[in-house]
Protein backbone atom coordinates (compact mmCIF):
# COMPACT_ATOMS: atom_id res chain seq x y z
CA UNK A 1 183.23 161.05 101.34
CA UNK A 2 180.73 162.21 98.75
CA UNK A 3 178.27 164.21 100.84
CA UNK A 4 175.90 164.75 97.95
CA UNK A 5 175.77 161.02 97.17
CA UNK A 6 174.78 160.34 100.80
CA UNK A 7 171.69 162.53 100.38
CA UNK A 8 171.12 161.83 96.68
CA UNK A 9 167.62 160.42 97.19
CA UNK A 10 166.55 163.22 99.55
CA UNK A 11 167.89 165.91 97.24
CA UNK A 12 165.95 164.21 94.43
CA UNK A 13 162.68 164.89 96.28
CA UNK A 14 163.26 168.61 95.62
CA UNK A 15 161.56 169.62 92.37
CA UNK A 16 163.22 172.99 91.71
CA UNK A 17 166.69 172.39 90.19
CA UNK A 18 167.97 175.75 91.47
CA UNK A 19 166.92 174.76 95.00
CA UNK A 20 168.71 171.43 94.55
CA UNK A 21 171.95 173.28 93.78
CA UNK A 22 171.49 175.51 96.80
CA UNK A 23 170.98 172.61 99.19
CA UNK A 24 174.03 170.85 97.73
CA UNK A 25 176.08 173.96 98.52
CA UNK A 26 174.76 174.00 102.10
CA UNK A 27 175.39 170.28 102.62
CA UNK A 28 178.96 170.69 101.42
CA UNK A 29 179.47 173.52 103.94
CA UNK A 30 178.33 171.51 106.97
CA UNK A 31 181.02 170.43 109.44
CA UNK A 32 182.48 166.94 108.98
CA UNK A 33 181.17 165.72 112.34
CA UNK A 34 177.56 165.96 111.08
CA UNK A 35 178.16 162.84 108.99
CA UNK A 36 179.57 160.79 111.87
CA UNK A 37 177.72 161.53 115.11
CA UNK A 38 174.54 159.97 116.51
CA UNK A 39 171.33 162.02 116.51
CA UNK A 40 171.36 162.11 120.31
CA UNK A 41 174.58 162.72 122.24
CA UNK A 42 173.12 160.86 125.24
CA UNK A 43 171.05 158.25 123.40
CA UNK A 44 167.90 159.28 125.29
CA UNK A 45 165.90 161.13 122.69
CA UNK A 46 165.98 159.19 119.42
CA UNK A 47 165.15 155.67 118.16
CA UNK A 48 167.79 153.01 117.66
CA UNK A 49 168.29 153.71 113.94
CA UNK A 50 169.44 157.23 114.83
CA UNK A 51 172.05 156.13 117.36
CA UNK A 52 175.67 155.22 116.75
CA UNK A 53 177.95 156.37 113.97
CA UNK A 54 176.01 158.16 111.23
CA UNK A 55 172.86 158.31 113.35
CA UNK A 56 172.30 162.02 112.71
CA UNK A 57 172.39 161.42 108.96
CA UNK A 58 169.85 158.59 109.32
CA UNK A 59 167.61 160.79 111.51
CA UNK A 60 167.81 163.49 108.83
CA UNK A 61 166.93 161.02 106.09
CA UNK A 62 163.89 159.86 108.03
CA UNK A 63 162.70 163.41 108.78
CA UNK A 64 163.00 164.29 105.09
CA UNK A 65 161.26 161.08 104.02
CA UNK A 66 158.37 161.73 106.42
CA UNK A 67 158.12 165.24 105.00
CA UNK A 68 158.16 163.98 101.43
CA UNK A 69 155.54 161.28 102.06
CA UNK A 70 153.20 163.76 103.76
CA UNK A 71 153.71 166.61 101.28
CA UNK A 72 152.94 164.40 98.31
CA UNK A 73 149.84 162.90 99.90
CA UNK A 74 147.01 164.88 98.29
CA UNK A 75 144.97 164.94 101.50
CA UNK A 76 147.83 166.59 103.42
CA UNK A 77 150.11 168.42 101.00
CA UNK A 78 147.43 170.29 99.06
CA UNK A 79 147.92 173.49 101.05
CA UNK A 80 151.53 173.95 99.93
CA UNK A 81 152.77 174.89 96.47
CA UNK A 82 155.76 173.14 94.89
CA UNK A 83 158.35 175.72 95.99
CA UNK A 84 157.04 175.73 99.55
CA UNK A 85 157.30 171.95 99.66
CA UNK A 86 160.88 172.16 98.39
CA UNK A 87 161.85 174.83 100.93
CA UNK A 88 160.48 172.77 103.82
CA UNK A 89 162.35 169.68 102.59
CA UNK A 90 165.53 171.78 102.41
CA UNK A 91 164.90 172.94 105.98
CA UNK A 92 164.57 169.32 107.06
CA UNK A 93 167.75 168.35 105.22
CA UNK A 94 169.85 170.86 107.15
CA UNK A 95 167.85 171.35 110.39
CA UNK A 96 170.45 169.59 112.58
CA UNK A 97 173.46 170.58 110.50
CA UNK A 98 175.11 172.34 113.45
CA UNK A 99 173.66 170.16 116.20
CA UNK A 100 176.98 170.08 118.04
CA UNK A 101 177.94 173.65 117.17
CA UNK A 102 180.18 175.14 114.50
CA UNK A 103 183.04 173.11 115.89
CA UNK A 104 182.20 169.69 117.24
CA UNK A 105 181.28 169.98 120.90
CA UNK A 106 180.62 166.99 123.15
CA UNK A 107 176.90 167.55 123.58
CA UNK A 108 174.02 168.90 121.52
CA UNK A 109 173.94 172.68 121.44
CA UNK A 110 170.58 173.85 122.71
CA UNK A 111 170.78 176.85 120.37
CA UNK A 112 171.57 174.74 117.29
CA UNK A 113 168.34 175.89 115.55
CA UNK A 114 169.58 179.49 115.79
CA UNK A 115 173.11 178.49 114.76
CA UNK A 116 171.99 176.75 111.57
CA UNK A 117 169.69 179.64 110.69
CA UNK A 118 172.56 182.10 111.08
CA UNK A 119 174.78 179.73 109.08
CA UNK A 120 172.37 179.94 106.14
CA UNK A 121 172.27 183.73 106.40
CA UNK A 122 176.06 183.92 106.64
CA UNK A 123 176.40 181.95 103.40
CA UNK A 124 173.57 183.70 101.57
CA UNK A 125 175.99 185.18 99.00
CA UNK A 126 176.82 181.63 97.85
CA UNK A 127 173.13 180.83 97.31
CA UNK A 128 170.52 181.90 94.77
CA UNK A 129 167.58 181.96 97.19
CA UNK A 130 165.72 185.25 97.33
CA UNK A 131 165.11 186.97 100.66
CA UNK A 132 161.61 185.54 101.11
CA UNK A 133 162.93 181.99 100.55
CA UNK A 134 165.77 182.53 103.03
CA UNK A 135 163.28 183.83 105.58
CA UNK A 136 161.02 180.80 105.17
CA UNK A 137 163.91 178.35 105.53
CA UNK A 138 165.43 180.17 108.50
CA UNK A 139 162.12 180.52 110.34
CA UNK A 140 161.55 176.76 109.94
CA UNK A 141 165.07 176.03 111.18
CA UNK A 142 164.78 178.33 114.19
CA UNK A 143 161.48 176.81 115.35
CA UNK A 144 162.08 173.14 114.55
CA UNK A 145 162.33 172.19 118.24
CA UNK A 146 158.68 173.06 118.79
CA UNK A 147 157.61 173.10 122.42
CA UNK A 148 161.12 172.22 123.59
CA UNK A 149 162.17 175.83 123.25
CA UNK A 150 163.67 176.41 126.71
CA UNK A 151 166.43 174.71 128.65
CA UNK A 152 167.28 174.97 132.35
CA UNK A 153 170.99 175.07 131.50
CA UNK A 154 170.50 178.01 129.12
CA UNK A 155 167.75 180.17 130.64
CA UNK A 156 168.84 183.16 128.53
CA UNK A 157 168.01 181.36 125.25
CA UNK A 158 164.39 180.92 124.21
CA UNK A 159 163.87 179.35 120.81
CA UNK A 160 160.94 180.53 118.65
CA UNK A 161 157.82 178.38 118.73
CA UNK A 162 156.37 177.29 115.39
CA UNK A 163 153.53 179.66 114.53
CA UNK A 164 152.71 179.08 110.87
CA UNK A 165 151.95 176.03 108.73
CA UNK A 166 155.52 175.78 107.38
CA UNK A 167 157.18 175.87 110.77
CA UNK A 168 154.66 173.45 112.26
CA UNK A 169 155.15 171.03 109.37
CA UNK A 170 158.95 171.00 109.72
CA UNK A 171 158.69 170.55 113.49
CA UNK A 172 156.18 167.71 113.04
CA UNK A 173 158.50 165.81 110.66
CA UNK A 174 161.50 166.23 112.97
CA UNK A 175 159.37 165.24 115.96
CA UNK A 176 158.09 162.08 114.26
CA UNK A 177 161.61 161.12 113.15
CA UNK A 178 162.70 161.24 116.80
CA UNK A 179 159.96 159.01 118.24
CA UNK A 180 161.36 155.79 119.67
CA UNK A 181 158.24 153.79 118.81
CA UNK A 182 158.70 154.52 115.09
CA UNK A 183 161.47 152.26 113.85
CA UNK A 184 162.83 152.59 110.33
CA UNK A 185 164.87 149.88 108.65
CA UNK A 186 168.10 150.86 106.91
CA UNK A 187 170.18 148.91 104.43
CA UNK A 188 173.56 150.23 103.26
CA UNK A 189 172.89 153.59 104.96
CA UNK A 190 169.66 154.10 102.96
CA UNK A 191 166.06 153.72 104.11
CA UNK A 192 165.02 150.21 103.20
CA UNK A 193 162.27 150.16 100.59
C-alpha cells in the first residue's frame, strides 16, 4: 500500500515543500490499522462515509478538505499566514493517527490526542520542524476533541480544550467532518469532485 498516494491530494494542499516531506514521514510512521479501520469503533459518532473499512482515512480526508476550503476562502482564512495554514492541515492529516492506540486496540483510545502529540515529539529527530512548529502542531492535536475532553471511563485524563485560533480551527474541521448530517460522496477512495 502506498500511504503517500492515498493522501496525495491532501498533501498537495500544503504549500511548504519541507512541511510536505515532514508529513509524509509522519504518515509513513502511522500504524497499519489506521488505513483499515472505521472512524468510529461503535458506528455512533460519524457519518456513513466514515464507517466501514477505510472509514478513518475518509474521515481524515474530509477534515483536511474542510480545512483547506475554509483556509483558502478569503473571508475566513485571512487571519492565518501560509505556514500556519500548512501546520493546521498537517495537524488534521494526522489528528486521528493513533485513534486505537500505538498497537491496534478494539475501541477508540480516549487519550488518542495526547498519544499522537507524543508520537510527533518522539519522532522529532526525523523531522525538520522547528520547536515552535512542533508546539503548534502538538497543541492542535492535543485539543482536537474540543468540549469532549473528559470521559467517565477515564476520569484521570482531561484533554486540553482549544484556546487559540489554531486549536479552535482544527477542532472545528474535525467536528464538521464527524457530523452525520454532512454527507460526502466518495469515488475510488477519493472525495468526489
